[in-house]
N, C-alpha and C. Protein backbone atom coordinates (compact mmCIF):
# COMPACT_ATOMS: atom_id res chain seq x y z
N UNK A 1 -68.17 -30.95 -23.26
CA UNK A 1 -67.48 -29.69 -23.36
C UNK A 1 -66.29 -29.63 -22.40
N UNK A 2 -66.53 -30.13 -21.20
CA UNK A 2 -65.46 -30.13 -20.22
C UNK A 2 -64.33 -31.05 -20.65
N UNK A 3 -64.66 -32.16 -21.29
CA UNK A 3 -63.65 -33.09 -21.77
C UNK A 3 -62.80 -32.46 -22.86
N UNK A 4 -63.41 -31.72 -23.75
CA UNK A 4 -62.68 -31.04 -24.82
C UNK A 4 -61.75 -29.97 -24.25
N UNK A 5 -62.23 -29.25 -23.25
CA UNK A 5 -61.42 -28.21 -22.61
C UNK A 5 -60.21 -28.82 -21.91
N UNK A 6 -60.41 -29.91 -21.19
CA UNK A 6 -59.29 -30.53 -20.49
C UNK A 6 -58.31 -31.16 -21.47
N UNK A 7 -58.82 -31.69 -22.60
CA UNK A 7 -57.93 -32.27 -23.61
C UNK A 7 -57.07 -31.18 -24.26
N UNK A 8 -57.65 -30.03 -24.54
CA UNK A 8 -56.87 -28.95 -25.14
C UNK A 8 -55.86 -28.41 -24.14
N UNK A 9 -56.21 -28.38 -22.86
CA UNK A 9 -55.26 -27.97 -21.84
C UNK A 9 -54.11 -28.95 -21.74
N UNK A 10 -54.42 -30.23 -21.84
CA UNK A 10 -53.39 -31.26 -21.79
C UNK A 10 -52.46 -31.13 -22.98
N UNK A 11 -53.01 -30.89 -24.16
CA UNK A 11 -52.17 -30.71 -25.34
C UNK A 11 -51.27 -29.49 -25.22
N UNK A 12 -51.82 -28.40 -24.71
CA UNK A 12 -51.01 -27.20 -24.52
C UNK A 12 -49.89 -27.45 -23.50
N UNK A 13 -50.21 -28.14 -22.45
CA UNK A 13 -49.23 -28.43 -21.43
C UNK A 13 -48.11 -29.32 -22.00
N UNK A 14 -48.49 -30.31 -22.78
CA UNK A 14 -47.49 -31.19 -23.40
C UNK A 14 -46.64 -30.42 -24.42
N UNK A 15 -47.26 -29.49 -25.14
CA UNK A 15 -46.50 -28.71 -26.11
C UNK A 15 -45.44 -27.87 -25.41
N UNK A 16 -45.84 -27.23 -24.32
CA UNK A 16 -44.89 -26.39 -23.62
C UNK A 16 -43.85 -27.21 -22.88
N UNK A 17 -44.18 -28.41 -22.55
CA UNK A 17 -43.21 -29.28 -21.89
C UNK A 17 -42.15 -29.73 -22.89
N UNK A 18 -42.55 -29.97 -24.14
CA UNK A 18 -41.60 -30.43 -25.15
C UNK A 18 -40.82 -29.29 -25.78
N UNK A 19 -41.44 -28.14 -25.88
CA UNK A 19 -40.76 -27.01 -26.51
C UNK A 19 -39.72 -26.45 -25.56
N UNK A 20 -38.49 -26.47 -25.98
CA UNK A 20 -37.40 -25.93 -25.17
C UNK A 20 -36.98 -24.61 -25.80
N UNK A 21 -37.14 -23.57 -25.07
CA UNK A 21 -36.78 -22.25 -25.56
C UNK A 21 -35.47 -21.87 -24.90
N UNK A 22 -34.45 -21.67 -25.72
CA UNK A 22 -33.16 -21.27 -25.20
C UNK A 22 -32.96 -19.79 -25.50
N UNK A 23 -32.58 -19.08 -24.49
CA UNK A 23 -32.30 -17.66 -24.63
C UNK A 23 -30.80 -17.50 -24.75
N UNK A 24 -30.37 -16.88 -25.84
CA UNK A 24 -28.94 -16.67 -26.03
C UNK A 24 -28.52 -15.44 -25.23
N UNK A 25 -27.43 -15.58 -24.53
CA UNK A 25 -26.90 -14.49 -23.73
C UNK A 25 -25.41 -14.38 -23.95
N UNK A 26 -24.85 -13.30 -23.47
CA UNK A 26 -23.40 -13.13 -23.49
C UNK A 26 -22.83 -13.77 -22.22
N UNK A 27 -21.79 -14.53 -22.37
CA UNK A 27 -21.13 -15.12 -21.21
C UNK A 27 -19.82 -14.38 -20.96
N UNK A 28 -19.09 -14.83 -19.98
CA UNK A 28 -17.82 -14.20 -19.65
C UNK A 28 -16.84 -14.32 -20.81
N UNK A 29 -16.97 -15.38 -21.60
CA UNK A 29 -16.07 -15.58 -22.73
C UNK A 29 -16.26 -14.49 -23.79
N UNK A 30 -17.49 -14.07 -24.01
CA UNK A 30 -17.75 -12.99 -24.97
C UNK A 30 -17.14 -11.68 -24.49
N UNK A 31 -17.31 -11.39 -23.21
CA UNK A 31 -16.77 -10.15 -22.68
C UNK A 31 -15.25 -10.15 -22.71
N UNK A 32 -14.64 -11.28 -22.37
CA UNK A 32 -13.18 -11.37 -22.37
C UNK A 32 -12.64 -11.30 -23.78
N UNK A 33 -13.31 -11.98 -24.73
CA UNK A 33 -12.83 -11.97 -26.11
C UNK A 33 -12.96 -10.60 -26.76
N UNK A 34 -13.83 -9.74 -26.24
CA UNK A 34 -13.91 -8.37 -26.74
C UNK A 34 -13.05 -7.42 -25.92
N UNK A 35 -12.86 -7.70 -24.65
CA UNK A 35 -12.11 -6.79 -23.78
C UNK A 35 -10.61 -6.84 -23.96
N UNK A 36 -10.07 -8.03 -24.18
CA UNK A 36 -8.62 -8.17 -24.34
C UNK A 36 -8.11 -7.40 -25.55
N UNK A 37 -8.69 -7.57 -26.75
CA UNK A 37 -8.16 -6.81 -27.88
C UNK A 37 -8.33 -5.29 -27.74
N UNK A 38 -9.42 -4.86 -27.11
CA UNK A 38 -9.59 -3.42 -26.92
C UNK A 38 -8.53 -2.87 -25.97
N UNK A 39 -8.24 -3.59 -24.90
CA UNK A 39 -7.20 -3.15 -23.96
C UNK A 39 -5.83 -3.17 -24.62
N UNK A 40 -5.55 -4.19 -25.43
CA UNK A 40 -4.27 -4.25 -26.11
C UNK A 40 -4.15 -3.17 -27.18
N UNK A 41 -5.26 -2.83 -27.81
CA UNK A 41 -5.23 -1.75 -28.81
C UNK A 41 -4.90 -0.42 -28.14
N UNK A 42 -5.43 -0.19 -26.94
CA UNK A 42 -5.09 1.02 -26.19
C UNK A 42 -3.62 1.00 -25.81
N UNK A 43 -3.11 -0.14 -25.40
CA UNK A 43 -1.69 -0.26 -25.06
C UNK A 43 -0.79 0.02 -26.25
N UNK A 44 -1.24 -0.36 -27.44
CA UNK A 44 -0.44 -0.13 -28.64
C UNK A 44 -0.22 1.36 -28.88
N UNK A 45 -1.21 2.17 -28.58
CA UNK A 45 -1.07 3.60 -28.80
C UNK A 45 -0.45 4.33 -27.62
N UNK A 46 -0.41 3.70 -26.46
CA UNK A 46 0.24 4.30 -25.30
C UNK A 46 1.75 4.19 -25.41
N UNK A 47 2.23 3.23 -26.18
CA UNK A 47 3.67 2.97 -26.29
C UNK A 47 4.43 4.20 -26.75
N UNK A 48 3.83 4.99 -27.62
CA UNK A 48 4.55 6.15 -28.17
C UNK A 48 4.80 7.23 -27.12
N UNK A 49 4.06 7.23 -26.01
CA UNK A 49 4.25 8.26 -24.99
C UNK A 49 5.17 7.81 -23.86
N UNK A 50 5.60 6.56 -23.86
CA UNK A 50 6.44 6.04 -22.78
C UNK A 50 7.90 6.09 -23.23
N UNK A 51 8.77 6.57 -22.35
CA UNK A 51 10.18 6.72 -22.70
C UNK A 51 11.07 5.66 -22.07
N UNK A 52 10.55 4.90 -21.12
CA UNK A 52 11.34 3.86 -20.46
C UNK A 52 11.33 2.60 -21.34
N UNK A 53 12.52 2.12 -21.70
CA UNK A 53 12.63 1.00 -22.63
C UNK A 53 12.08 -0.31 -22.06
N UNK A 54 12.27 -0.55 -20.79
CA UNK A 54 11.80 -1.82 -20.22
C UNK A 54 10.27 -1.91 -20.24
N UNK A 55 9.62 -0.79 -20.02
CA UNK A 55 8.15 -0.78 -20.06
C UNK A 55 7.67 -1.00 -21.49
N UNK A 56 8.35 -0.39 -22.46
CA UNK A 56 7.98 -0.56 -23.86
C UNK A 56 8.16 -2.01 -24.29
N UNK A 57 9.25 -2.63 -23.88
CA UNK A 57 9.47 -4.04 -24.22
C UNK A 57 8.40 -4.94 -23.59
N UNK A 58 8.04 -4.65 -22.35
CA UNK A 58 7.00 -5.42 -21.68
C UNK A 58 5.67 -5.29 -22.40
N UNK A 59 5.35 -4.08 -22.84
CA UNK A 59 4.09 -3.88 -23.57
C UNK A 59 4.11 -4.62 -24.90
N UNK A 60 5.24 -4.58 -25.60
CA UNK A 60 5.31 -5.30 -26.87
C UNK A 60 5.21 -6.81 -26.69
N UNK A 61 5.83 -7.35 -25.65
CA UNK A 61 5.68 -8.78 -25.38
C UNK A 61 4.23 -9.12 -25.05
N UNK A 62 3.58 -8.24 -24.30
CA UNK A 62 2.17 -8.44 -23.98
C UNK A 62 1.32 -8.43 -25.24
N UNK A 63 1.63 -7.53 -26.16
CA UNK A 63 0.90 -7.46 -27.42
C UNK A 63 1.11 -8.72 -28.26
N UNK A 64 2.34 -9.20 -28.32
CA UNK A 64 2.63 -10.39 -29.12
C UNK A 64 1.98 -11.64 -28.55
N UNK A 65 1.84 -11.71 -27.25
CA UNK A 65 1.19 -12.86 -26.62
C UNK A 65 -0.33 -12.70 -26.63
N UNK A 66 -0.81 -11.49 -26.41
CA UNK A 66 -2.24 -11.26 -26.27
C UNK A 66 -3.03 -11.31 -27.56
N UNK A 67 -2.41 -10.95 -28.68
CA UNK A 67 -3.13 -10.95 -29.96
C UNK A 67 -3.59 -12.35 -30.37
N UNK A 68 -2.70 -13.35 -30.37
CA UNK A 68 -3.19 -14.70 -30.72
C UNK A 68 -4.19 -15.27 -29.71
N UNK A 69 -3.98 -14.95 -28.43
CA UNK A 69 -4.91 -15.43 -27.41
C UNK A 69 -6.31 -14.85 -27.64
N UNK A 70 -6.37 -13.57 -27.98
CA UNK A 70 -7.67 -12.95 -28.21
C UNK A 70 -8.34 -13.49 -29.47
N UNK A 71 -7.56 -13.83 -30.50
CA UNK A 71 -8.14 -14.44 -31.70
C UNK A 71 -8.73 -15.80 -31.37
N UNK A 72 -8.00 -16.60 -30.60
CA UNK A 72 -8.48 -17.93 -30.23
C UNK A 72 -9.73 -17.83 -29.37
N UNK A 73 -9.75 -16.94 -28.40
CA UNK A 73 -10.92 -16.77 -27.54
C UNK A 73 -12.14 -16.30 -28.33
N UNK A 74 -11.91 -15.41 -29.30
CA UNK A 74 -13.03 -14.93 -30.12
C UNK A 74 -13.60 -16.05 -30.97
N UNK A 75 -12.74 -16.88 -31.53
CA UNK A 75 -13.22 -17.99 -32.35
C UNK A 75 -13.98 -19.00 -31.49
N UNK A 76 -13.49 -19.27 -30.29
CA UNK A 76 -14.20 -20.18 -29.39
C UNK A 76 -15.56 -19.61 -29.03
N UNK A 77 -15.62 -18.31 -28.75
CA UNK A 77 -16.91 -17.68 -28.41
C UNK A 77 -17.87 -17.67 -29.59
N UNK A 78 -17.35 -17.54 -30.80
CA UNK A 78 -18.20 -17.59 -31.99
C UNK A 78 -18.75 -18.99 -32.24
N UNK A 79 -18.02 -20.00 -31.85
CA UNK A 79 -18.43 -21.38 -32.11
C UNK A 79 -19.46 -21.90 -31.11
N UNK A 80 -19.62 -21.23 -29.97
CA UNK A 80 -20.60 -21.69 -28.98
C UNK A 80 -22.00 -21.44 -29.49
N UNK A 81 -22.86 -22.42 -29.37
CA UNK A 81 -24.21 -22.32 -29.93
C UNK A 81 -25.17 -21.53 -29.06
N UNK A 82 -25.01 -21.61 -27.77
CA UNK A 82 -25.98 -20.98 -26.88
C UNK A 82 -25.52 -19.59 -26.43
N UNK A 83 -24.77 -18.91 -27.28
CA UNK A 83 -24.22 -17.62 -26.91
C UNK A 83 -24.37 -16.64 -28.06
N UNK A 84 -24.65 -15.38 -27.72
CA UNK A 84 -24.73 -14.35 -28.75
C UNK A 84 -23.35 -14.10 -29.35
N UNK A 85 -23.32 -13.61 -30.57
CA UNK A 85 -22.05 -13.46 -31.27
C UNK A 85 -21.56 -12.02 -31.38
N UNK A 86 -22.27 -11.06 -30.86
CA UNK A 86 -21.92 -9.66 -31.05
C UNK A 86 -20.56 -9.28 -30.50
N UNK A 87 -20.32 -9.54 -29.22
CA UNK A 87 -19.05 -9.18 -28.61
C UNK A 87 -17.91 -10.01 -29.17
N UNK A 88 -18.17 -11.26 -29.48
CA UNK A 88 -17.12 -12.11 -30.04
C UNK A 88 -16.70 -11.61 -31.42
N UNK A 89 -17.65 -11.13 -32.20
CA UNK A 89 -17.34 -10.59 -33.52
C UNK A 89 -16.56 -9.28 -33.41
N UNK A 90 -16.94 -8.44 -32.46
CA UNK A 90 -16.18 -7.20 -32.22
C UNK A 90 -14.77 -7.54 -31.76
N UNK A 91 -14.65 -8.53 -30.88
CA UNK A 91 -13.33 -8.94 -30.40
C UNK A 91 -12.46 -9.51 -31.51
N UNK A 92 -13.05 -10.30 -32.38
CA UNK A 92 -12.29 -10.86 -33.49
C UNK A 92 -11.85 -9.77 -34.46
N UNK A 93 -12.70 -8.81 -34.70
CA UNK A 93 -12.34 -7.70 -35.59
C UNK A 93 -11.18 -6.89 -35.02
N UNK A 94 -11.26 -6.55 -33.75
CA UNK A 94 -10.18 -5.79 -33.14
C UNK A 94 -8.90 -6.62 -33.00
N UNK A 95 -9.03 -7.92 -32.80
CA UNK A 95 -7.84 -8.78 -32.71
C UNK A 95 -7.12 -8.85 -34.05
N UNK A 96 -7.88 -8.92 -35.14
CA UNK A 96 -7.25 -8.94 -36.47
C UNK A 96 -6.61 -7.58 -36.76
N UNK A 97 -7.30 -6.49 -36.42
CA UNK A 97 -6.71 -5.16 -36.60
C UNK A 97 -5.45 -4.99 -35.75
N UNK A 98 -5.48 -5.52 -34.55
CA UNK A 98 -4.31 -5.46 -33.68
C UNK A 98 -3.15 -6.24 -34.27
N UNK A 99 -3.43 -7.42 -34.81
CA UNK A 99 -2.37 -8.23 -35.41
C UNK A 99 -1.76 -7.52 -36.62
N UNK A 100 -2.60 -6.93 -37.45
CA UNK A 100 -2.09 -6.19 -38.61
C UNK A 100 -1.27 -4.99 -38.15
N UNK A 101 -1.72 -4.30 -37.12
CA UNK A 101 -0.98 -3.15 -36.60
C UNK A 101 0.37 -3.56 -36.03
N UNK A 102 0.41 -4.67 -35.32
CA UNK A 102 1.68 -5.15 -34.76
C UNK A 102 2.63 -5.54 -35.88
N UNK A 103 2.11 -6.22 -36.90
CA UNK A 103 2.97 -6.58 -38.03
C UNK A 103 3.51 -5.34 -38.73
N UNK A 104 2.70 -4.30 -38.85
CA UNK A 104 3.15 -3.06 -39.47
C UNK A 104 4.24 -2.41 -38.64
N UNK A 105 4.09 -2.40 -37.32
CA UNK A 105 5.11 -1.82 -36.45
C UNK A 105 6.40 -2.62 -36.55
N UNK A 106 6.30 -3.94 -36.63
CA UNK A 106 7.50 -4.78 -36.76
C UNK A 106 8.19 -4.52 -38.10
N UNK A 107 7.41 -4.40 -39.17
CA UNK A 107 8.00 -4.13 -40.48
C UNK A 107 8.68 -2.76 -40.50
N UNK A 108 8.06 -1.77 -39.87
CA UNK A 108 8.70 -0.46 -39.79
C UNK A 108 9.95 -0.50 -38.91
N UNK A 109 9.92 -1.31 -37.85
CA UNK A 109 11.06 -1.41 -36.97
C UNK A 109 12.27 -2.05 -37.61
N UNK A 110 12.03 -2.96 -38.54
CA UNK A 110 13.15 -3.61 -39.22
C UNK A 110 13.64 -2.81 -40.42
N UNK A 111 12.94 -1.75 -40.77
CA UNK A 111 13.37 -0.91 -41.89
C UNK A 111 12.85 -1.35 -43.24
N UNK A 112 12.00 -2.35 -43.27
CA UNK A 112 11.49 -2.84 -44.55
C UNK A 112 10.38 -1.96 -45.11
N UNK A 113 9.69 -1.19 -44.27
CA UNK A 113 8.57 -0.39 -44.73
C UNK A 113 8.97 1.00 -45.20
N UNK A 114 10.24 1.34 -45.08
CA UNK A 114 10.68 2.65 -45.52
C UNK A 114 10.93 2.66 -47.01
N UNK A 115 10.73 3.82 -47.61
CA UNK A 115 10.97 3.93 -49.05
C UNK A 115 12.28 4.60 -49.36
């Protein structure tokens, strides 16, 4: 009886030694890939209240540079295997919305969107 008990304990110990349980967590990349597009989206709507042209130009340059960077970071975060995808998916969604919004503002600025 004691031999059977020790054998089952040995099997359990070996099973737990071989079984690798990975816990998926959010890393800094997930937070950054969700935070950048949200911050840029807020900047996009702040532009209408600013009257200084140099600040508006700086914000638009930031938007044009930040949108592709946030898309790339979101895709990298989605491709990581040991990481949750929630924040990366939110970041990718907002980055695509930001890109479409910037394109719409550019089209309106050039006069092509007017009827």
